[in-house]
Amino acid sequence: MPRPGNFGIRIGETRVSSSTADQTGTPVSTGELSLAFAQSATLGEGLQWHAASQRWWWTDIESAVLHAWSPDSGAALSCRLPDRLGCFAHTRSGRVLLGLAKRLCLGQLPEPGVQGHVANMALQQLVAVDPTESRTRINDGRTDRRGYFVFGTLNEAPERRPIGSFYQYSMRHGLRRLALPAVAIANSICFSLDGRTMYFCDTLSQTILQCAYDAESAQVADVRPFVQMDHKSAWPDGSVIDAEGCLWNAQWGAGVVSRYAPDGRLLARLRTPVKNPSCPALGGPGMDELMVTTARQELSREQLLAMPLSGSLFGLRQSQALGVADELFDDDTVA
């Protein structure tokens, strides 16, 4: 299990170390995220701020652990799970929806104030996902603006053929496959402020896509590029939308978190001290903190020695409240 440490480190204030311009002449802010919470996650992902608990929550997928941390008290919580957790969402009832490797489950969280290690979480299975396809597992996901859960799968086989899919799950409609292109690694799932545009990607394509999205019908249309990575070592991982409708993306392999305007223009490029940032989130008590998970996966021994904080959380306080709360999963509505 990843070791916790350095609780409550104050994250850096927003600072622009320089300003460059992209190919259109738009100014691009640059800066660097600093250490917020030290740990050694193999594959930190799924980061989100949960206002009710005043905690950051994330998963270490390969360790099958759901983590939580309170920046005010420094209290940390680690919940051991029976399988790898690709993504999750807090629910209206106070439970948590878990995207385990091949199934969706509802889990009962520990009582508020509990910290340390929790060995067993009571689970209620909802639905199996791709039960006949042994090569895939659930990866990235989050709730849409309606409170339905949208997630994607990835191909774990070495050849990485595009056999992954995107799904929507709700208590009202059940599991529905979205009519989107097959992918090798589903990532970057997030939604415009009005909920009518879905962003997503196949990480291996190095391009984030967008499409029209209707939550009630689970219909998608007009799939088109949003932004292409501008460096061959940048692989788009998790994304989140801020209060201005801009998209923040963690770029695995490049040590960068980038912010894009709704029209795809690059607005900011922030560096991380490690190579593999994985999932950004905006939140904190003032909704003004940018945080990102990172990973030790795919790093050599030499790289880990050079970047020993890989697997930690890094953050940078913003000059304004840019966070938008994730919708709680609607586990009250039944068909």
Foldseek 3Di string as FASTA:
>chain_A
DKDWDDFQDDKAADDFPDWDAPPVRAIAGEAAWAFHIFIAQAAWDAWEQDVVLCWIWIFSQVQQWIKIAHNVVSFIAIEHDPAGFQYWFFAPVRWIWTQGFFFIWTWRDDDRPDGDYHYDIDIDTDDTHPPVDPQKTWHDWAAFPVQWIKTKIAGNDPVLDQPMFIWIAAQAPGIDTEPDDGAHHKAAWEAFPVRQKTWIDRQVVQWIWIWGADVVVSYTDDIDTQEHDPDPQWGWAYWYAWPQRWIWTWTAQCQWIWIAHRNNGTHYIYGYLARGWHYWAAQGPQSFKIKTAFHPPPDDPVRCVVVVRGGGMTMYGHPHNTHDHGDHRHPPDHD
